[in-house]
N, C-alpha and C. Protein backbone atom coordinates (compact mmCIF):
# COMPACT_ATOMS: atom_id res chain seq x y z
N MET A 1 10.09 -164.40 125.76
CA MET A 1 9.76 -163.79 127.03
C MET A 1 8.43 -164.36 127.52
N THR A 2 8.39 -164.74 128.78
CA THR A 2 7.15 -165.29 129.34
C THR A 2 6.50 -164.26 130.24
N LYS A 3 5.22 -164.32 130.28
CA LYS A 3 4.45 -163.43 131.16
C LYS A 3 3.85 -164.26 132.28
N ASN A 4 3.84 -163.70 133.46
CA ASN A 4 3.17 -164.36 134.58
C ASN A 4 1.68 -164.13 134.45
N LYS A 5 0.94 -165.22 134.47
CA LYS A 5 -0.51 -165.11 134.38
C LYS A 5 -1.10 -165.48 135.73
N THR A 6 -1.99 -164.67 136.20
CA THR A 6 -2.65 -164.90 137.47
C THR A 6 -4.12 -165.18 137.21
N ILE A 7 -4.62 -166.20 137.85
CA ILE A 7 -6.03 -166.53 137.72
C ILE A 7 -6.71 -166.20 139.05
N TYR A 8 -7.74 -165.40 138.99
CA TYR A 8 -8.49 -165.04 140.18
C TYR A 8 -9.76 -165.88 140.23
N VAL A 9 -10.06 -166.40 141.39
CA VAL A 9 -11.25 -167.21 141.59
C VAL A 9 -12.10 -166.54 142.64
N ALA A 10 -13.35 -166.36 142.33
CA ALA A 10 -14.28 -165.75 143.28
C ALA A 10 -15.20 -166.84 143.83
N LEU A 11 -15.43 -166.78 145.11
CA LEU A 11 -16.32 -167.73 145.76
C LEU A 11 -17.48 -166.99 146.39
N ARG A 12 -18.62 -167.58 146.30
CA ARG A 12 -19.78 -167.02 146.98
C ARG A 12 -20.15 -168.00 148.08
N MET A 13 -20.16 -167.51 149.31
CA MET A 13 -20.42 -168.36 150.47
C MET A 13 -21.56 -167.77 151.28
N ASN A 14 -22.37 -168.67 151.83
CA ASN A 14 -23.42 -168.18 152.73
C ASN A 14 -22.86 -168.12 154.15
N GLU A 15 -23.68 -167.65 155.08
CA GLU A 15 -23.22 -167.46 156.46
C GLU A 15 -22.75 -168.76 157.10
N LEU A 16 -23.44 -169.86 156.84
CA LEU A 16 -23.06 -171.15 157.42
C LEU A 16 -21.70 -171.61 156.89
N GLU A 17 -21.47 -171.45 155.60
CA GLU A 17 -20.19 -171.84 155.01
C GLU A 17 -19.04 -170.99 155.55
N VAL A 18 -19.30 -169.71 155.74
CA VAL A 18 -18.28 -168.82 156.30
C VAL A 18 -17.95 -169.22 157.73
N SER A 19 -18.97 -169.56 158.51
CA SER A 19 -18.71 -169.96 159.89
C SER A 19 -17.93 -171.27 159.94
N LYS A 20 -18.21 -172.21 159.03
CA LYS A 20 -17.45 -173.45 158.97
C LYS A 20 -16.00 -173.18 158.59
N LEU A 21 -15.78 -172.28 157.64
CA LEU A 21 -14.42 -171.92 157.24
C LEU A 21 -13.68 -171.24 158.39
N ASP A 22 -14.35 -170.35 159.10
CA ASP A 22 -13.73 -169.68 160.24
C ASP A 22 -13.36 -170.67 161.33
N TYR A 23 -14.16 -171.73 161.47
CA TYR A 23 -13.91 -172.73 162.51
C TYR A 23 -12.62 -173.52 162.23
N ILE A 24 -12.33 -173.81 160.97
CA ILE A 24 -11.16 -174.63 160.64
C ILE A 24 -9.92 -173.81 160.32
N ARG A 25 -10.04 -172.48 160.33
CA ARG A 25 -8.86 -171.65 160.08
C ARG A 25 -7.86 -171.77 161.22
N LYS A 26 -6.59 -171.72 160.85
CA LYS A 26 -5.53 -171.71 161.85
C LYS A 26 -5.39 -170.30 162.41
N PRO A 27 -4.86 -170.16 163.62
CA PRO A 27 -4.70 -168.82 164.20
C PRO A 27 -3.85 -167.91 163.30
N GLY A 28 -4.36 -166.74 163.02
CA GLY A 28 -3.65 -165.78 162.19
C GLY A 28 -3.78 -166.02 160.69
N GLU A 29 -4.51 -167.05 160.29
CA GLU A 29 -4.67 -167.37 158.88
C GLU A 29 -5.87 -166.62 158.30
N THR A 30 -5.70 -166.05 157.13
CA THR A 30 -6.81 -165.35 156.48
C THR A 30 -7.75 -166.37 155.86
N ARG A 31 -8.92 -165.91 155.50
CA ARG A 31 -9.88 -166.81 154.86
C ARG A 31 -9.35 -167.31 153.53
N SER A 32 -8.75 -166.43 152.75
CA SER A 32 -8.23 -166.85 151.45
C SER A 32 -7.09 -167.85 151.61
N ALA A 33 -6.26 -167.66 152.61
CA ALA A 33 -5.17 -168.62 152.85
C ALA A 33 -5.72 -169.97 153.29
N ALA A 34 -6.79 -169.96 154.06
CA ALA A 34 -7.41 -171.21 154.49
C ALA A 34 -8.00 -171.96 153.30
N ILE A 35 -8.64 -171.23 152.40
CA ILE A 35 -9.19 -171.85 151.19
C ILE A 35 -8.08 -172.43 150.34
N ARG A 36 -6.98 -171.68 150.17
CA ARG A 36 -5.84 -172.19 149.39
C ARG A 36 -5.28 -173.45 150.03
N ARG A 37 -5.17 -173.48 151.35
CA ARG A 37 -4.66 -174.65 152.06
C ARG A 37 -5.56 -175.85 151.85
N LEU A 38 -6.86 -175.66 151.94
CA LEU A 38 -7.81 -176.75 151.75
C LEU A 38 -7.74 -177.30 150.33
N VAL A 39 -7.66 -176.41 149.35
CA VAL A 39 -7.58 -176.86 147.95
C VAL A 39 -6.27 -177.60 147.70
N THR A 40 -5.17 -177.09 148.22
CA THR A 40 -3.88 -177.73 148.03
C THR A 40 -3.85 -179.10 148.69
N ASP A 41 -4.39 -179.19 149.90
CA ASP A 41 -4.43 -180.48 150.60
C ASP A 41 -5.29 -181.49 149.84
N ALA A 42 -6.43 -181.04 149.33
CA ALA A 42 -7.31 -181.95 148.57
C ALA A 42 -6.62 -182.40 147.29
N TRP A 43 -5.91 -181.49 146.62
CA TRP A 43 -5.21 -181.84 145.39
C TRP A 43 -4.09 -182.85 145.69
N ALA A 44 -3.34 -182.62 146.75
CA ALA A 44 -2.26 -183.55 147.11
C ALA A 44 -2.81 -184.92 147.45
N ASP A 45 -3.91 -184.98 148.18
CA ASP A 45 -4.53 -186.26 148.51
C ASP A 45 -4.99 -186.99 147.25
N ALA A 46 -5.57 -186.24 146.31
CA ALA A 46 -6.03 -186.85 145.06
C ALA A 46 -4.86 -187.39 144.24
N MET A 47 -3.75 -186.66 144.21
CA MET A 47 -2.58 -187.12 143.46
C MET A 47 -1.96 -188.36 144.11
N MET A 48 -1.93 -188.40 145.44
CA MET A 48 -1.40 -189.58 146.13
C MET A 48 -2.29 -190.80 145.87
N GLU A 49 -3.59 -190.60 145.86
CA GLU A 49 -4.52 -191.70 145.58
C GLU A 49 -4.36 -192.19 144.14
N GLN A 50 -4.17 -191.25 143.22
CA GLN A 50 -3.97 -191.63 141.82
C GLN A 50 -2.68 -192.41 141.65
N ASP A 51 -1.62 -191.98 142.31
CA ASP A 51 -0.35 -192.71 142.25
C ASP A 51 -0.51 -194.12 142.81
N LYS A 52 -1.27 -194.25 143.90
CA LYS A 52 -1.49 -195.56 144.51
C LYS A 52 -2.26 -196.47 143.56
N GLU A 53 -3.27 -195.91 142.88
CA GLU A 53 -4.05 -196.69 141.93
C GLU A 53 -3.22 -197.14 140.73
N ASN A 54 -2.27 -196.29 140.32
CA ASN A 54 -1.43 -196.61 139.17
C ASN A 54 -0.24 -197.47 139.54
N GLY A 55 -0.07 -197.76 140.82
CA GLY A 55 1.00 -198.64 141.24
C GLY A 55 2.35 -197.97 141.45
N TYR A 56 2.36 -196.64 141.50
CA TYR A 56 3.62 -195.94 141.75
C TYR A 56 3.96 -196.03 143.24
N PRO A 57 5.24 -196.16 143.57
CA PRO A 57 5.61 -196.27 144.99
C PRO A 57 5.38 -194.94 145.72
N SER A 58 5.08 -195.07 147.00
CA SER A 58 4.87 -193.91 147.84
C SER A 58 6.21 -193.38 148.33
N ILE A 59 6.35 -192.09 148.47
CA ILE A 59 7.59 -191.50 148.96
C ILE A 59 7.86 -191.96 150.39
N SER A 60 6.78 -192.14 151.15
CA SER A 60 6.95 -192.54 152.55
C SER A 60 7.14 -194.04 152.72
N ASP A 61 7.15 -194.78 151.62
CA ASP A 61 7.33 -196.22 151.70
C ASP A 61 8.76 -196.53 152.11
N ARG A 62 8.94 -197.17 153.28
CA ARG A 62 10.27 -197.41 153.82
C ARG A 62 11.10 -198.33 152.92
N VAL A 63 10.45 -199.22 152.19
CA VAL A 63 11.17 -200.14 151.30
C VAL A 63 11.92 -199.35 150.23
N ASN A 64 11.30 -198.27 149.74
CA ASN A 64 11.91 -197.50 148.67
C ASN A 64 13.01 -196.58 149.17
N CYS A 65 13.12 -196.40 150.48
CA CYS A 65 14.13 -195.51 151.04
C CYS A 65 15.45 -196.24 151.29
N LEU A 66 15.46 -197.57 151.16
CA LEU A 66 16.67 -198.33 151.45
C LEU A 66 17.65 -198.28 150.31
C-alpha cells in the first residue's frame, strides 16, 4: 500500500517581490498557482536544455515527426 506524501514549501517575500509576482499573475490566478506555474515552466525549460545538451531530439523537431 502506498501513501500519498505532500511536501509543503513556505516562501518569505518582501513587498517588492509580492508586487512583481502580482504583476505577472494571470487574471483569476492565485499567488500560489502563479508560483507553481513559474517553477514548472523553469523546470521544463531546464529539462529541454538538458536534452538538447545530451543530443536527444526535440519533440517539436519536424524531422522526427515524419
